[in-house]
Amino acid sequence: MNEVKRQAVAELQRAVAAAESKACELVATERAKMEKLLLEARKQAAEEALAAVVVANQQQQQAESSEVVNALPAPSQQNASSFVVVVSSKVQANQAYSGIT
């Protein structure tokens, strides 16, 4: 009878050891999956944060460039007329000079 008990206890210990081993393997597998998912989530979050920064920088640059454009004086009829007068007088001067030589 004692021999049967010893065999039963030994078999039970082997079964417990196998179950513990299998449980450790499953835990390790699940841990690896979770670490992979966590790494991917961190990578995606970093990419999204970088994209948000890039978009914010582009919007800021656009706002700054529109401020510069808005700060420039609007062309007026008087400025255009003055430009035409200056250009025409230079053209006439060049024609006169060409006629002399």
PDB file of N, CA and C in Angstrom:
ATOM      1  N   MET A   1       0.808  -1.182   0.000  1.00  0.00           N
ATOM      2  CA  MET A   1       0.000   0.000   0.000  1.00  0.00           C
ATOM      3  C   MET A   1       0.858   1.255   0.000  1.00  0.00           C
ATOM      4  N   ASN A   2       1.950   1.248   0.778  1.00  0.00           N
ATOM      5  CA  ASN A   2       2.843   2.389   0.818  1.00  0.00           C
ATOM      6  C   ASN A   2       3.486   2.651  -0.542  1.00  0.00           C
ATOM      7  N   GLU A   3       3.784   1.593  -1.247  1.00  0.00           N
ATOM      8  CA  GLU A   3       4.385   1.736  -2.571  1.00  0.00           C
ATOM      9  C   GLU A   3       3.418   2.431  -3.524  1.00  0.00           C
ATOM     10  N   VAL A   4       2.164   2.105  -3.438  1.00  0.00           N
ATOM     11  CA  VAL A   4       1.136   2.721  -4.287  1.00  0.00           C
ATOM     12  C   VAL A   4       1.022   4.203  -3.952  1.00  0.00           C
ATOM     13  N   LYS A   5       1.076   4.542  -2.655  1.00  0.00           N
ATOM     14  CA  LYS A   5       1.020   5.943  -2.240  1.00  0.00           C
ATOM     15  C   LYS A   5       2.228   6.714  -2.764  1.00  0.00           C
ATOM     16  N   ARG A   6       3.400   6.105  -2.656  1.00  0.00           N
ATOM     17  CA  ARG A   6       4.617   6.769  -3.144  1.00  0.00           C
ATOM     18  C   ARG A   6       4.539   7.016  -4.639  1.00  0.00           C
ATOM     19  N   GLN A   7       4.065   6.033  -5.371  1.00  0.00           N
ATOM     20  CA  GLN A   7       3.939   6.196  -6.816  1.00  0.00           C
ATOM     21  C   GLN A   7       2.917   7.283  -7.156  1.00  0.00           C
ATOM     22  N   ALA A   8       1.830   7.299  -6.403  1.00  0.00           N
ATOM     23  CA  ALA A   8       0.791   8.307  -6.632  1.00  0.00           C
ATOM     24  C   ALA A   8       1.328   9.702  -6.325  1.00  0.00           C
ATOM     25  N   VAL A   9       2.072   9.831  -5.213  1.00  0.00           N
ATOM     26  CA  VAL A   9       2.648  11.116  -4.835  1.00  0.00           C
ATOM     27  C   VAL A   9       3.679  11.543  -5.879  1.00  0.00           C
ATOM     28  N   ALA A  10       4.517  10.641  -6.337  1.00  0.00           N
ATOM     29  CA  ALA A  10       5.532  10.957  -7.352  1.00  0.00           C
ATOM     30  C   ALA A  10       4.863  11.386  -8.651  1.00  0.00           C
ATOM     31  N   GLU A  11       3.804  10.664  -9.029  1.00  0.00           N
ATOM     32  CA  GLU A  11       3.095  11.027 -10.258  1.00  0.00           C
ATOM     33  C   GLU A  11       2.400  12.383 -10.103  1.00  0.00           C
ATOM     34  N   LEU A  12       1.850  12.616  -8.932  1.00  0.00           N
ATOM     35  CA  LEU A  12       1.215  13.903  -8.667  1.00  0.00           C
ATOM     36  C   LEU A  12       2.240  15.040  -8.707  1.00  0.00           C
ATOM     37  N   GLN A  13       3.426  14.793  -8.143  1.00  0.00           N
ATOM     38  CA  GLN A  13       4.488  15.818  -8.178  1.00  0.00           C
ATOM     39  C   GLN A  13       4.929  16.100  -9.612  1.00  0.00           C
ATOM     40  N   ARG A  14       5.027  15.059 -10.426  1.00  0.00           N
ATOM     41  CA  ARG A  14       5.385  15.259 -11.836  1.00  0.00           C
ATOM     42  C   ARG A  14       4.300  16.063 -12.561  1.00  0.00           C
ATOM     43  N   ALA A  15       3.063  15.759 -12.274  1.00  0.00           N
ATOM     44  CA  ALA A  15       1.954  16.472 -12.908  1.00  0.00           C
ATOM     45  C   ALA A  15       1.941  17.947 -12.481  1.00  0.00           C
ATOM     46  N   VAL A  16       2.204  18.191 -11.194  1.00  0.00           N
ATOM     47  CA  VAL A  16       2.256  19.562 -10.690  1.00  0.00           C
ATOM     48  C   VAL A  16       3.421  20.313 -11.341  1.00  0.00           C
ATOM     49  N   ALA A  17       4.574  19.668 -11.438  1.00  0.00           N
ATOM     50  CA  ALA A  17       5.743  20.294 -12.057  1.00  0.00           C
ATOM     51  C   ALA A  17       5.460  20.603 -13.534  1.00  0.00           C
ATOM     52  N   ALA A  18       4.816  19.688 -14.229  1.00  0.00           N
ATOM     53  CA  ALA A  18       4.487  19.916 -15.645  1.00  0.00           C
ATOM     54  C   ALA A  18       3.489  21.070 -15.775  1.00  0.00           C
ATOM     55  N   ALA A  19       2.524  21.113 -14.886  1.00  0.00           N
ATOM     56  CA  ALA A  19       1.530  22.194 -14.924  1.00  0.00           C
ATOM     57  C   ALA A  19       2.194  23.539 -14.630  1.00  0.00           C
ATOM     58  N   GLU A  20       3.098  23.550 -13.646  1.00  0.00           N
ATOM     59  CA  GLU A  20       3.824  24.796 -13.334  1.00  0.00           C
ATOM     60  C   GLU A  20       4.669  25.236 -14.518  1.00  0.00           C
ATOM     61  N   SER A  21       5.325  24.305 -15.161  1.00  0.00           N
ATOM     62  CA  SER A  21       6.155  24.610 -16.325  1.00  0.00           C
ATOM     63  C   SER A  21       5.301  25.185 -17.453  1.00  0.00           C
ATOM     64  N   LYS A  22       4.164  24.532 -17.710  1.00  0.00           N
ATOM     65  CA  LYS A  22       3.266  25.005 -18.762  1.00  0.00           C
ATOM     66  C   LYS A  22       2.727  26.394 -18.412  1.00  0.00           C
ATOM     67  N   ALA A  23       2.401  26.614 -17.149  1.00  0.00           N
ATOM     68  CA  ALA A  23       1.903  27.922 -16.718  1.00  0.00           C
ATOM     69  C   ALA A  23       2.969  28.992 -16.914  1.00  0.00           C
ATOM     70  N   CYS A  24       4.210  28.682 -16.583  1.00  0.00           N
ATOM     71  CA  CYS A  24       5.313  29.630 -16.766  1.00  0.00           C
ATOM     72  C   CYS A  24       5.501  29.955 -18.245  1.00  0.00           C
ATOM     73  N   GLU A  25       5.394  28.941 -19.105  1.00  0.00           N
ATOM     74  CA  GLU A  25       5.504  29.165 -20.546  1.00  0.00           C
ATOM     75  C   GLU A  25       4.390  30.083 -21.038  1.00  0.00           C
ATOM     76  N   LEU A  26       3.156  29.816 -20.565  1.00  0.00           N
ATOM     77  CA  LEU A  26       2.029  30.654 -20.977  1.00  0.00           C
ATOM     78  C   LEU A  26       2.196  32.097 -20.494  1.00  0.00           C
ATOM     79  N   VAL A  27       2.656  32.261 -19.266  1.00  0.00           N
ATOM     80  CA  VAL A  27       2.882  33.601 -18.730  1.00  0.00           C
ATOM     81  C   VAL A  27       3.959  34.320 -19.546  1.00  0.00           C
ATOM     82  N   ALA A  28       5.029  33.615 -19.868  1.00  0.00           N
ATOM     83  CA  ALA A  28       6.108  34.220 -20.652  1.00  0.00           C
ATOM     84  C   ALA A  28       5.604  34.610 -22.044  1.00  0.00           C
ATOM     85  N   THR A  29       4.807  33.758 -22.662  1.00  0.00           N
ATOM     86  CA  THR A  29       4.248  34.059 -23.984  1.00  0.00           C
ATOM     87  C   THR A  29       3.344  35.282 -23.929  1.00  0.00           C
ATOM     88  N   GLU A  30       2.472  35.327 -22.928  1.00  0.00           N
ATOM     89  CA  GLU A  30       1.567  36.463 -22.784  1.00  0.00           C
ATOM     90  C   GLU A  30       2.334  37.744 -22.455  1.00  0.00           C
ATOM     91  N   ARG A  31       3.370  37.630 -21.650  1.00  0.00           N
ATOM     92  CA  ARG A  31       4.194  38.799 -21.325  1.00  0.00           C
ATOM     93  C   ARG A  31       4.855  39.340 -22.587  1.00  0.00           C
ATOM     94  N   ALA A  32       5.365  38.448 -23.426  1.00  0.00           N
ATOM     95  CA  ALA A  32       6.004  38.873 -24.672  1.00  0.00           C
ATOM     96  C   ALA A  32       4.990  39.565 -25.587  1.00  0.00           C
ATOM     97  N   LYS A  33       3.777  39.014 -25.654  1.00  0.00           N
ATOM     98  CA  LYS A  33       2.737  39.653 -26.465  1.00  0.00           C
ATOM     99  C   LYS A  33       2.419  41.051 -25.933  1.00  0.00           C
ATOM    100  N   MET A  34       2.279  41.165 -24.631  1.00  0.00           N
ATOM    101  CA  MET A  34       1.947  42.456 -24.032  1.00  0.00           C
ATOM    102  C   MET A  34       3.076  43.465 -24.243  1.00  0.00           C
ATOM    103  N   GLU A  35       4.317  43.017 -24.103  1.00  0.00           N
ATOM    104  CA  GLU A  35       5.444  43.915 -24.324  1.00  0.00           C
ATOM    105  C   GLU A  35       5.484  44.396 -25.778  1.00  0.00           C
ATOM    106  N   LYS A  36       5.173  43.499 -26.709  1.00  0.00           N
ATOM    107  CA  LYS A  36       5.137  43.871 -28.119  1.00  0.00           C
ATOM    108  C   LYS A  36       4.032  44.893 -28.370  1.00  0.00           C
ATOM    109  N   LEU A  37       2.841  44.644 -27.820  1.00  0.00           N
ATOM    110  CA  LEU A  37       1.733  45.585 -27.976  1.00  0.00           C
ATOM    111  C   LEU A  37       2.057  46.938 -27.352  1.00  0.00           C
ATOM    112  N   LEU A  38       2.696  46.908 -26.193  1.00  0.00           N
ATOM    113  CA  LEU A  38       3.067  48.145 -25.513  1.00  0.00           C
ATOM    114  C   LEU A  38       4.089  48.922 -26.340  1.00  0.00           C
ATOM    115  N   LEU A  39       5.053  48.236 -26.891  1.00  0.00           N
ATOM    116  CA  LEU A  39       6.055  48.873 -27.743  1.00  0.00           C
ATOM    117  C   LEU A  39       5.405  49.503 -28.970  1.00  0.00           C
ATOM    118  N   GLU A  40       4.480  48.777 -29.599  1.00  0.00           N
ATOM    119  CA  GLU A  40       3.779  49.307 -30.770  1.00  0.00           C
ATOM    120  C   GLU A  40       2.933  50.524 -30.398  1.00  0.00           C
ATOM    121  N   ALA A  41       2.273  50.462 -29.239  1.00  0.00           N
ATOM    122  CA  ALA A  41       1.452  51.595 -28.795  1.00  0.00           C
ATOM    123  C   ALA A  41       2.316  52.821 -28.518  1.00  0.00           C
ATOM    124  N   ARG A  42       3.461  52.600 -27.891  1.00  0.00           N
ATOM    125  CA  ARG A  42       4.375  53.726 -27.636  1.00  0.00           C
ATOM    126  C   ARG A  42       4.887  54.329 -28.941  1.00  0.00           C
ATOM    127  N   LYS A  43       5.218  53.464 -29.886  1.00  0.00           N
ATOM    128  CA  LYS A  43       5.708  53.930 -31.188  1.00  0.00           C
ATOM    129  C   LYS A  43       4.626  54.741 -31.892  1.00  0.00           C
ATOM    130  N   GLN A  44       3.400  54.236 -31.883  1.00  0.00           N
ATOM    131  CA  GLN A  44       2.301  54.941 -32.532  1.00  0.00           C
ATOM    132  C   GLN A  44       2.029  56.276 -31.842  1.00  0.00           C
ATOM    133  N   ALA A  45       2.079  56.297 -30.516  1.00  0.00           N
ATOM    134  CA  ALA A  45       1.861  57.541 -29.783  1.00  0.00           C
ATOM    135  C   ALA A  45       2.947  58.561 -30.107  1.00  0.00           C
ATOM    136  N   ALA A  46       4.186  58.094 -30.207  1.00  0.00           N
ATOM    137  CA  ALA A  46       5.289  58.996 -30.550  1.00  0.00           C
ATOM    138  C   ALA A  46       5.109  59.548 -31.964  1.00  0.00           C
ATOM    139  N   GLU A  47       4.690  58.693 -32.901  1.00  0.00           N
ATOM    140  CA  GLU A  47       4.465  59.139 -34.271  1.00  0.00           C
ATOM    141  C   GLU A  47       3.331  60.160 -34.334  1.00  0.00           C
ATOM    142  N   GLU A  48       2.267  59.898 -33.584  1.00  0.00           N
ATOM    143  CA  GLU A  48       1.139  60.827 -33.569  1.00  0.00           C
ATOM    144  C   GLU A  48       1.530  62.157 -32.931  1.00  0.00           C
ATOM    145  N   ALA A  49       2.333  62.101 -31.879  1.00  0.00           N
ATOM    146  CA  ALA A  49       2.787  63.332 -31.232  1.00  0.00           C
ATOM    147  C   ALA A  49       3.679  64.127 -32.182  1.00  0.00           C
ATOM    148  N   LEU A  50       4.553  63.441 -32.886  1.00  0.00           N
ATOM    149  CA  LEU A  50       5.424  64.114 -33.854  1.00  0.00           C
ATOM    150  C   LEU A  50       4.598  64.739 -34.977  1.00  0.00           C
ATOM    151  N   ALA A  51       3.611  64.005 -35.459  1.00  0.00           N
ATOM    152  CA  ALA A  51       2.753  64.539 -36.522  1.00  0.00           C
ATOM    153  C   ALA A  51       2.003  65.777 -36.025  1.00  0.00           C
ATOM    154  N   ALA A  52       1.548  65.749 -34.779  1.00  0.00           N
ATOM    155  CA  ALA A  52       0.838  66.904 -34.222  1.00  0.00           C
ATOM    156  C   ALA A  52       1.763  68.108 -34.121  1.00  0.00           C
ATOM    157  N   VAL A  53       3.010  67.877 -33.747  1.00  0.00           N
ATOM    158  CA  VAL A  53       3.981  68.969 -33.658  1.00  0.00           C
ATOM    159  C   VAL A  53       4.255  69.546 -35.043  1.00  0.00           C
ATOM    160  N   VAL A  54       4.402  68.678 -36.024  1.00  0.00           N
ATOM    161  CA  VAL A  54       4.658  69.136 -37.397  1.00  0.00           C
ATOM    162  C   VAL A  54       3.489  69.972 -37.900  1.00  0.00           C
ATOM    163  N   VAL A  55       2.274  69.496 -37.667  1.00  0.00           N
ATOM    164  CA  VAL A  55       1.091  70.245 -38.102  1.00  0.00           C
ATOM    165  C   VAL A  55       1.024  71.594 -37.389  1.00  0.00           C
ATOM    166  N   ALA A  56       1.293  71.595 -36.088  1.00  0.00           N
ATOM    167  CA  ALA A  56       1.271  72.852 -35.334  1.00  0.00           C
ATOM    168  C   ALA A  56       2.324  73.826 -35.861  1.00  0.00           C
ATOM    169  N   ASN A  57       3.509  73.324 -36.170  1.00  0.00           N
ATOM    170  CA  ASN A  57       4.569  74.181 -36.723  1.00  0.00           C
ATOM    171  C   ASN A  57       4.164  74.742 -38.083  1.00  0.00           C
ATOM    172  N   GLN A  58       3.567  73.908 -38.926  1.00  0.00           N
ATOM    173  CA  GLN A  58       3.129  74.380 -40.238  1.00  0.00           C
ATOM    174  C   GLN A  58       2.058  75.455 -40.093  1.00  0.00           C
ATOM    175  N   GLN A  59       1.121  75.234 -39.178  1.00  0.00           N
ATOM    176  CA  GLN A  59       0.070  76.223 -38.971  1.00  0.00           C
ATOM    177  C   GLN A  59       0.657  77.530 -38.447  1.00  0.00           C
ATOM    178  N   GLN A  60       1.628  77.422 -37.565  1.00  0.00           N
ATOM    179  CA  GLN A  60       2.264  78.625 -37.027  1.00  0.00           C
ATOM    180  C   GLN A  60       3.004  79.372 -38.132  1.00  0.00           C
ATOM    181  N   GLN A  61       3.724  78.636 -38.983  1.00  0.00           N
ATOM    182  CA  GLN A  61       4.441  79.277 -40.087  1.00  0.00           C
ATOM    183  C   GLN A  61       3.474  79.943 -41.055  1.00  0.00           C
ATOM    184  N   GLN A  62       2.353  79.290 -41.322  1.00  0.00           N
ATOM    185  CA  GLN A  62       1.357  79.883 -42.214  1.00  0.00           C
ATOM    186  C   GLN A  62       0.780  81.152 -41.598  1.00  0.00           C
ATOM    187  N   ALA A  63       0.527  81.099 -40.294  1.00  0.00           N
ATOM    188  CA  ALA A  63      -0.018  82.274 -39.612  1.00  0.00           C
ATOM    189  C   ALA A  63       0.992  83.420 -39.649  1.00  0.00           C
ATOM    190  N   GLU A  64       2.262  83.101 -39.416  1.00  0.00           N
ATOM    191  CA  GLU A  64       3.298  84.131 -39.434  1.00  0.00           C
ATOM    192  C   GLU A  64       3.463  84.719 -40.833  1.00  0.00           C
ATOM    193  N   SER A  65       3.428  83.872 -41.852  1.00  0.00           N
ATOM    194  CA  SER A  65       3.596  84.388 -43.217  1.00  0.00           C
ATOM    195  C   SER A  65       2.382  85.214 -43.628  1.00  0.00           C
ATOM    196  N   SER A  66       1.188  84.850 -43.167  1.00  0.00           N
ATOM    197  CA  SER A  66       0.020  85.669 -43.505  1.00  0.00           C
ATOM    198  C   SER A  66       0.065  86.997 -42.761  1.00  0.00           C
ATOM    199  N   GLU A  67       0.669  86.994 -41.553  1.00  0.00           N
ATOM    200  CA  GLU A  67       0.840  88.253 -40.829  1.00  0.00           C
ATOM    201  C   GLU A  67       1.784  89.177 -41.599  1.00  0.00           C
ATOM    202  N   VAL A  68       2.832  88.609 -42.182  1.00  0.00           N
ATOM    203  CA  VAL A  68       3.797  89.398 -42.945  1.00  0.00           C
ATOM    204  C   VAL A  68       3.117  89.973 -44.184  1.00  0.00           C
ATOM    205  N   VAL A  69       2.343  89.150 -44.871  1.00  0.00           N
ATOM    206  CA  VAL A  69       1.647  89.613 -46.073  1.00  0.00           C
ATOM    207  C   VAL A  69       0.649  90.698 -45.698  1.00  0.00           C
ATOM    208  N   ASN A  70      -0.062  90.518 -44.603  1.00  0.00           N
ATOM    209  CA  ASN A  70      -1.039  91.518 -44.177  1.00  0.00           C
ATOM    210  C   ASN A  70      -0.366  92.803 -43.713  1.00  0.00           C
ATOM    211  N   ALA A  71       0.871  92.719 -43.265  1.00  0.00           N
ATOM    212  CA  ALA A  71       1.586  93.902 -42.792  1.00  0.00           C
ATOM    213  C   ALA A  71       2.091  94.753 -43.953  1.00  0.00           C
ATOM    214  N   LEU A  72       2.217  94.171 -45.140  1.00  0.00           N
ATOM    215  CA  LEU A  72       2.673  94.933 -46.296  1.00  0.00           C
ATOM    216  C   LEU A  72       1.592  95.930 -46.708  1.00  0.00           C
ATOM    217  N   PRO A  73       1.995  97.141 -47.136  1.00  0.00           N
ATOM    218  CA  PRO A  73       0.984  98.104 -47.558  1.00  0.00           C
ATOM    219  C   PRO A  73       0.317  97.644 -48.850  1.00  0.00           C
ATOM    220  N   ALA A  74      -0.945  97.894 -48.928  1.00  0.00           N
ATOM    221  CA  ALA A  74      -1.685  97.508 -50.128  1.00  0.00           C
ATOM    222  C   ALA A  74      -1.280  98.425 -51.271  1.00  0.00           C
ATOM    223  N   PRO A  75      -1.163  97.872 -52.463  1.00  0.00           N
ATOM    224  CA  PRO A  75      -0.800  98.724 -53.597  1.00  0.00           C
ATOM    225  C   PRO A  75      -1.921  99.733 -53.850  1.00  0.00           C
ATOM    226  N   SER A  76      -1.499 100.929 -54.112  1.00  0.00           N
ATOM    227  CA  SER A  76      -2.489 101.976 -54.365  1.00  0.00           C
ATOM    228  C   SER A  76      -2.349 102.452 -55.799  1.00  0.00           C
ATOM    229  N   GLN A  77      -3.353 103.170 -56.250  1.00  0.00           N
ATOM    230  CA  GLN A  77      -3.328 103.722 -57.614  1.00  0.00           C
ATOM    231  C   GLN A  77      -2.198 104.729 -57.758  1.00  0.00           C
ATOM    232  N   GLN A  78      -1.950 105.483 -56.693  1.00  0.00           N
ATOM    233  CA  GLN A  78      -0.887 106.494 -56.737  1.00  0.00           C
ATOM    234  C   GLN A  78       0.474 105.831 -56.893  1.00  0.00           C
ATOM    235  N   ASN A  79       0.713 104.715 -56.146  1.00  0.00           N
ATOM    236  CA  ASN A  79       1.990 104.001 -56.267  1.00  0.00           C
ATOM    237  C   ASN A  79       2.170 103.450 -57.683  1.00  0.00           C
ATOM    238  N   ALA A  80       1.104 102.915 -58.250  1.00  0.00           N
ATOM    239  CA  ALA A  80       1.190 102.363 -59.601  1.00  0.00           C
ATOM    240  C   ALA A  80       1.477 103.470 -60.611  1.00  0.00           C
ATOM    241  N   SER A  81       0.811 104.612 -60.450  1.00  0.00           N
ATOM    242  CA  SER A  81       1.046 105.734 -61.375  1.00  0.00           C
ATOM    243  C   SER A  81       2.477 106.228 -61.270  1.00  0.00           C
ATOM    244  N   SER A  82       2.987 106.323 -60.069  1.00  0.00           N
ATOM    245  CA  SER A  82       4.367 106.776 -59.874  1.00  0.00           C
ATOM    246  C   SER A  82       5.338 105.815 -60.531  1.00  0.00           C
ATOM    247  N   PHE A  83       5.067 104.509 -60.422  1.00  0.00           N
ATOM    248  CA  PHE A  83       5.921 103.503 -61.033  1.00  0.00           C
ATOM    249  C   PHE A  83       5.919 103.664 -62.552  1.00  0.00           C
ATOM    250  N   VAL A  84       4.761 103.873 -63.136  1.00  0.00           N
ATOM    251  CA  VAL A  84       4.661 104.041 -64.581  1.00  0.00           C
ATOM    252  C   VAL A  84       5.429 105.273 -65.037  1.00  0.00           C
ATOM    253  N   VAL A  85       5.321 106.363 -64.296  1.00  0.00           N
ATOM    254  CA  VAL A  85       6.032 107.600 -64.652  1.00  0.00           C
ATOM    255  C   VAL A  85       7.536 107.370 -64.596  1.00  0.00           C
ATOM    256  N   VAL A  86       8.013 106.706 -63.555  1.00  0.00           N
ATOM    257  CA  VAL A  86       9.453 106.459 -63.417  1.00  0.00           C
ATOM    258  C   VAL A  86       9.940 105.571 -64.552  1.00  0.00           C
ATOM    259  N   VAL A  87       9.214 104.510 -64.864  1.00  0.00           N
ATOM    260  CA  VAL A  87       9.625 103.594 -65.927  1.00  0.00           C
ATOM    261  C   VAL A  87       9.598 104.312 -67.268  1.00  0.00           C
ATOM    262  N   SER A  88       8.529 105.093 -67.541  1.00  0.00           N
ATOM    263  CA  SER A  88       8.485 105.790 -68.828  1.00  0.00           C
ATOM    264  C   SER A  88       9.621 106.781 -68.966  1.00  0.00           C
ATOM    265  N   SER A  89       9.962 107.492 -67.904  1.00  0.00           N
ATOM    266  CA  SER A  89      11.052 108.461 -68.025  1.00  0.00           C
ATOM    267  C   SER A  89      12.385 107.747 -68.240  1.00  0.00           C
ATOM    268  N   LYS A  90      12.561 106.560 -67.650  1.00  0.00           N
ATOM    269  CA  LYS A  90      13.811 105.813 -67.884  1.00  0.00           C
ATOM    270  C   LYS A  90      13.862 105.310 -69.319  1.00  0.00           C
ATOM    271  N   VAL A  91      12.723 104.856 -69.843  1.00  0.00           N
ATOM    272  CA  VAL A  91      12.685 104.384 -71.226  1.00  0.00           C
ATOM    273  C   VAL A  91      13.009 105.538 -72.174  1.00  0.00           C
ATOM    274  N   GLN A  92      12.434 106.730 -71.921  1.00  0.00           N
ATOM    275  CA  GLN A  92      12.706 107.884 -72.772  1.00  0.00           C
ATOM    276  C   GLN A  92      14.189 108.294 -72.696  1.00  0.00           C
ATOM    277  N   ALA A  93      14.749 108.199 -71.481  1.00  0.00           N
ATOM    278  CA  ALA A  93      16.163 108.535 -71.332  1.00  0.00           C
ATOM    279  C   ALA A  93      17.025 107.560 -72.102  1.00  0.00           C
ATOM    280  N   ASN A  94      16.690 106.298 -72.060  1.00  0.00           N
ATOM    281  CA  ASN A  94      17.458 105.289 -72.802  1.00  0.00           C
ATOM    282  C   ASN A  94      17.324 105.494 -74.309  1.00  0.00           C
ATOM    283  N   GLN A  95      16.142 105.872 -74.765  1.00  0.00           N
ATOM    284  CA  GLN A  95      15.932 106.113 -76.193  1.00  0.00           C
ATOM    285  C   GLN A  95      16.731 107.350 -76.631  1.00  0.00           C
ATOM    286  N   ALA A  96      16.717 108.383 -75.800  1.00  0.00           N
ATOM    287  CA  ALA A  96      17.474 109.597 -76.137  1.00  0.00           C
ATOM    288  C   ALA A  96      18.944 109.294 -76.188  1.00  0.00           C
ATOM    289  N   TYR A  97      19.426 108.520 -75.223  1.00  0.00           N
ATOM    290  CA  TYR A  97      20.849 108.161 -75.180  1.00  0.00           C
ATOM    291  C   TYR A  97      21.209 107.329 -76.390  1.00  0.00           C
ATOM    292  N   SER A  98      20.351 106.407 -76.767  1.00  0.00           N
ATOM    293  CA  SER A  98      20.593 105.566 -77.945  1.00  0.00           C
ATOM    294  C   SER A  98      20.642 106.402 -79.202  1.00  0.00           C
ATOM    295  N   GLY A  99      19.819 107.465 -79.252  1.00  0.00           N
ATOM    296  CA  GLY A  99      19.788 108.321 -80.439  1.00  0.00           C
ATOM    297  C   GLY A  99      21.042 109.163 -80.558  1.00  0.00           C
ATOM    298  N   ILE A 100      21.700 109.452 -79.437  1.00  0.00           N
ATOM    299  CA  ILE A 100      22.912 110.281 -79.443  1.00  0.00           C
ATOM    300  C   ILE A 100      24.085 109.474 -79.967  1.00  0.00           C
ATOM    301  N   THR A 101      24.147 108.229 -79.604  1.00  0.00           N
ATOM    302  CA  THR A 101      25.322 107.446 -79.991  1.00  0.00           C
ATOM    303  C   THR A 101      25.187 106.782 -81.297  1.00  0.00           C
TER     304      THR A 101
END
